[in-house]
Amino acid sequence: MTNATTKRITVYVNDEPYRVFLGLRVRHAIGHQAAWLVERRQALVEDREGNQLDLDRTLYNGQRLYVKDMH
């Protein structure tokens, strides 16, 4: 394995830190249940500026994600 494939980054989901592999997507950071709700338009994912994010967007180190219920 190369160093690039084993590099980890820290992202924050609802202000909780998570260490994930570089190259993973928003759906991986928020987890299966939250991604399932987003796909069914029962929730959405925003960044710290309030921009809505796609589940397949690439993560970057220090990124902050907020899962918001649509009910």
N, C-alpha and C. Protein backbone atom coordinates (compact mmCIF):
# COMPACT_ATOMS: atom_id res chain seq x y z
N MET A 1 0.83 -1.19 0.00
CA MET A 1 0.00 0.00 0.00
C MET A 1 0.87 1.24 0.00
N THR A 2 0.40 2.24 -0.70
CA THR A 2 1.13 3.49 -0.70
C THR A 2 0.64 4.37 0.43
N ASN A 3 1.41 5.37 0.75
CA ASN A 3 1.04 6.30 1.82
C ASN A 3 -0.28 6.99 1.51
N ALA A 4 -0.56 7.31 0.25
CA ALA A 4 -1.79 8.00 -0.13
C ALA A 4 -3.02 7.16 0.17
N THR A 5 -2.94 5.84 0.02
CA THR A 5 -4.11 5.00 0.26
C THR A 5 -4.35 4.74 1.74
N THR A 6 -3.39 5.04 2.59
CA THR A 6 -3.57 4.80 4.02
C THR A 6 -3.71 6.10 4.81
N LYS A 7 -3.71 7.24 4.14
CA LYS A 7 -3.80 8.52 4.84
C LYS A 7 -5.21 8.71 5.41
N ARG A 8 -5.24 9.21 6.61
CA ARG A 8 -6.53 9.50 7.26
C ARG A 8 -6.68 11.00 7.46
N ILE A 9 -7.92 11.44 7.44
CA ILE A 9 -8.24 12.84 7.69
C ILE A 9 -9.29 12.88 8.80
N THR A 10 -9.45 14.05 9.39
CA THR A 10 -10.48 14.24 10.41
C THR A 10 -11.58 15.11 9.83
N VAL A 11 -12.82 14.62 9.92
CA VAL A 11 -13.99 15.42 9.56
C VAL A 11 -14.89 15.46 10.78
N TYR A 12 -15.76 16.43 10.83
CA TYR A 12 -16.67 16.61 11.96
C TYR A 12 -18.10 16.45 11.47
N VAL A 13 -18.83 15.55 12.10
CA VAL A 13 -20.24 15.34 11.77
C VAL A 13 -21.03 15.76 12.99
N ASN A 14 -21.83 16.81 12.81
CA ASN A 14 -22.58 17.38 13.94
C ASN A 14 -21.64 17.66 15.11
N ASP A 15 -20.47 18.22 14.78
CA ASP A 15 -19.43 18.64 15.72
C ASP A 15 -18.70 17.49 16.44
N GLU A 16 -18.92 16.25 16.02
CA GLU A 16 -18.19 15.10 16.56
C GLU A 16 -17.07 14.74 15.59
N PRO A 17 -15.82 14.63 16.05
CA PRO A 17 -14.73 14.29 15.13
C PRO A 17 -14.73 12.81 14.73
N TYR A 18 -14.41 12.57 13.47
CA TYR A 18 -14.29 11.22 12.93
C TYR A 18 -13.04 11.15 12.07
N ARG A 19 -12.26 10.08 12.25
CA ARG A 19 -11.08 9.84 11.41
C ARG A 19 -11.51 8.91 10.28
N VAL A 20 -11.35 9.35 9.05
CA VAL A 20 -11.74 8.56 7.87
C VAL A 20 -10.59 8.55 6.89
N PHE A 21 -10.64 7.62 5.96
CA PHE A 21 -9.61 7.53 4.93
C PHE A 21 -9.79 8.62 3.88
N LEU A 22 -8.69 9.17 3.44
CA LEU A 22 -8.69 10.14 2.35
C LEU A 22 -9.34 9.50 1.14
N GLY A 23 -10.23 10.22 0.48
CA GLY A 23 -10.90 9.71 -0.71
C GLY A 23 -12.31 9.24 -0.46
N LEU A 24 -12.70 9.10 0.83
CA LEU A 24 -14.07 8.70 1.11
C LEU A 24 -15.02 9.87 0.84
N ARG A 25 -16.29 9.57 0.80
CA ARG A 25 -17.32 10.55 0.45
C ARG A 25 -18.16 10.93 1.67
N VAL A 26 -18.97 11.97 1.50
CA VAL A 26 -19.86 12.44 2.57
C VAL A 26 -20.69 11.29 3.12
N ARG A 27 -21.22 10.44 2.25
CA ARG A 27 -22.07 9.32 2.70
C ARG A 27 -21.34 8.41 3.69
N HIS A 28 -20.04 8.25 3.53
CA HIS A 28 -19.27 7.39 4.43
C HIS A 28 -19.10 8.04 5.81
N ALA A 29 -18.93 9.34 5.83
CA ALA A 29 -18.72 10.05 7.10
C ALA A 29 -19.99 10.12 7.94
N ILE A 30 -21.15 10.32 7.28
CA ILE A 30 -22.38 10.48 8.05
C ILE A 30 -23.01 9.16 8.46
N GLY A 31 -22.61 8.07 7.81
CA GLY A 31 -23.13 6.75 8.17
C GLY A 31 -24.32 6.33 7.33
N HIS A 32 -24.58 5.03 7.38
CA HIS A 32 -25.62 4.41 6.54
C HIS A 32 -27.01 4.98 6.81
N GLN A 33 -27.39 5.07 8.08
CA GLN A 33 -28.76 5.52 8.41
C GLN A 33 -29.01 6.94 7.95
N ALA A 34 -28.06 7.85 8.21
CA ALA A 34 -28.23 9.24 7.79
C ALA A 34 -28.24 9.36 6.27
N ALA A 35 -27.37 8.61 5.59
CA ALA A 35 -27.35 8.63 4.12
C ALA A 35 -28.67 8.12 3.56
N TRP A 36 -29.23 7.09 4.18
CA TRP A 36 -30.52 6.55 3.76
C TRP A 36 -31.61 7.62 3.87
N LEU A 37 -31.61 8.39 4.95
CA LEU A 37 -32.59 9.46 5.13
C LEU A 37 -32.40 10.57 4.09
N VAL A 38 -31.16 10.91 3.79
CA VAL A 38 -30.88 11.94 2.78
C VAL A 38 -31.36 11.47 1.42
N GLU A 39 -31.11 10.23 1.06
CA GLU A 39 -31.55 9.70 -0.23
C GLU A 39 -33.06 9.73 -0.37
N ARG A 40 -33.78 9.63 0.73
CA ARG A 40 -35.24 9.66 0.72
C ARG A 40 -35.80 11.05 0.99
N ARG A 41 -34.93 12.03 0.98
CA ARG A 41 -35.28 13.45 1.19
C ARG A 41 -35.98 13.69 2.53
N GLN A 42 -35.56 12.91 3.53
CA GLN A 42 -36.05 13.11 4.89
C GLN A 42 -35.04 13.86 5.74
N ALA A 43 -33.84 14.06 5.19
CA ALA A 43 -32.77 14.81 5.85
C ALA A 43 -31.89 15.41 4.77
N LEU A 44 -31.02 16.33 5.17
CA LEU A 44 -30.04 16.89 4.24
C LEU A 44 -28.73 17.10 4.98
N VAL A 45 -27.67 17.28 4.20
CA VAL A 45 -26.35 17.50 4.76
C VAL A 45 -25.89 18.89 4.33
N GLU A 46 -25.44 19.68 5.30
CA GLU A 46 -24.93 21.02 5.02
C GLU A 46 -23.51 21.15 5.55
N ASP A 47 -22.76 22.10 4.98
CA ASP A 47 -21.45 22.44 5.53
C ASP A 47 -21.64 23.56 6.54
N ARG A 48 -20.55 24.06 7.10
CA ARG A 48 -20.69 25.07 8.17
C ARG A 48 -21.22 26.40 7.67
N GLU A 49 -21.17 26.64 6.35
CA GLU A 49 -21.72 27.87 5.78
C GLU A 49 -23.19 27.73 5.39
N GLY A 50 -23.76 26.52 5.58
CA GLY A 50 -25.16 26.28 5.25
C GLY A 50 -25.40 25.82 3.82
N ASN A 51 -24.33 25.48 3.09
CA ASN A 51 -24.47 24.97 1.73
C ASN A 51 -24.84 23.49 1.78
N GLN A 52 -25.84 23.12 0.99
CA GLN A 52 -26.25 21.72 0.94
C GLN A 52 -25.21 20.91 0.17
N LEU A 53 -24.86 19.73 0.70
CA LEU A 53 -23.84 18.89 0.10
C LEU A 53 -24.43 17.61 -0.46
N ASP A 54 -23.88 17.17 -1.57
CA ASP A 54 -24.24 15.90 -2.19
C ASP A 54 -23.56 14.76 -1.43
N LEU A 55 -24.21 13.62 -1.36
CA LEU A 55 -23.64 12.48 -0.64
C LEU A 55 -22.36 11.97 -1.26
N ASP A 56 -22.15 12.20 -2.55
CA ASP A 56 -20.96 11.69 -3.23
C ASP A 56 -19.83 12.70 -3.30
N ARG A 57 -19.96 13.79 -2.60
CA ARG A 57 -18.88 14.78 -2.56
C ARG A 57 -17.70 14.25 -1.77
N THR A 58 -16.49 14.52 -2.24
CA THR A 58 -15.27 14.09 -1.56
C THR A 58 -15.06 14.90 -0.28
N LEU A 59 -14.58 14.24 0.74
CA LEU A 59 -14.30 14.90 2.02
C LEU A 59 -12.91 15.52 2.01
N TYR A 60 -12.71 16.54 2.83
CA TYR A 60 -11.38 17.11 3.03
C TYR A 60 -11.13 17.27 4.52
N ASN A 61 -9.87 17.35 4.88
CA ASN A 61 -9.48 17.43 6.28
C ASN A 61 -10.06 18.67 6.95
N GLY A 62 -10.68 18.47 8.11
CA GLY A 62 -11.25 19.58 8.88
C GLY A 62 -12.65 19.97 8.47
N GLN A 63 -13.22 19.29 7.48
CA GLN A 63 -14.56 19.63 7.00
C GLN A 63 -15.60 19.40 8.08
N ARG A 64 -16.59 20.27 8.12
CA ARG A 64 -17.67 20.15 9.09
C ARG A 64 -18.97 19.89 8.34
N LEU A 65 -19.63 18.80 8.74
CA LEU A 65 -20.88 18.37 8.12
C LEU A 65 -21.98 18.40 9.18
N TYR A 66 -23.15 18.82 8.76
CA TYR A 66 -24.30 18.84 9.67
C TYR A 66 -25.46 18.14 8.99
N VAL A 67 -25.95 17.09 9.62
CA VAL A 67 -27.10 16.36 9.11
C VAL A 67 -28.34 16.98 9.76
N LYS A 68 -29.26 17.42 8.91
CA LYS A 68 -30.45 18.11 9.40
C LYS A 68 -31.70 17.34 8.98
N ASP A 69 -32.55 17.07 9.95
CA ASP A 69 -33.82 16.38 9.72
C ASP A 69 -34.76 17.33 8.97
N MET A 70 -35.49 16.81 8.01
CA MET A 70 -36.41 17.63 7.22
C MET A 70 -37.83 17.65 7.80
N HIS A 71 -38.05 17.00 8.92
CA HIS A 71 -39.41 16.99 9.49
C HIS A 71 -39.67 18.19 10.32
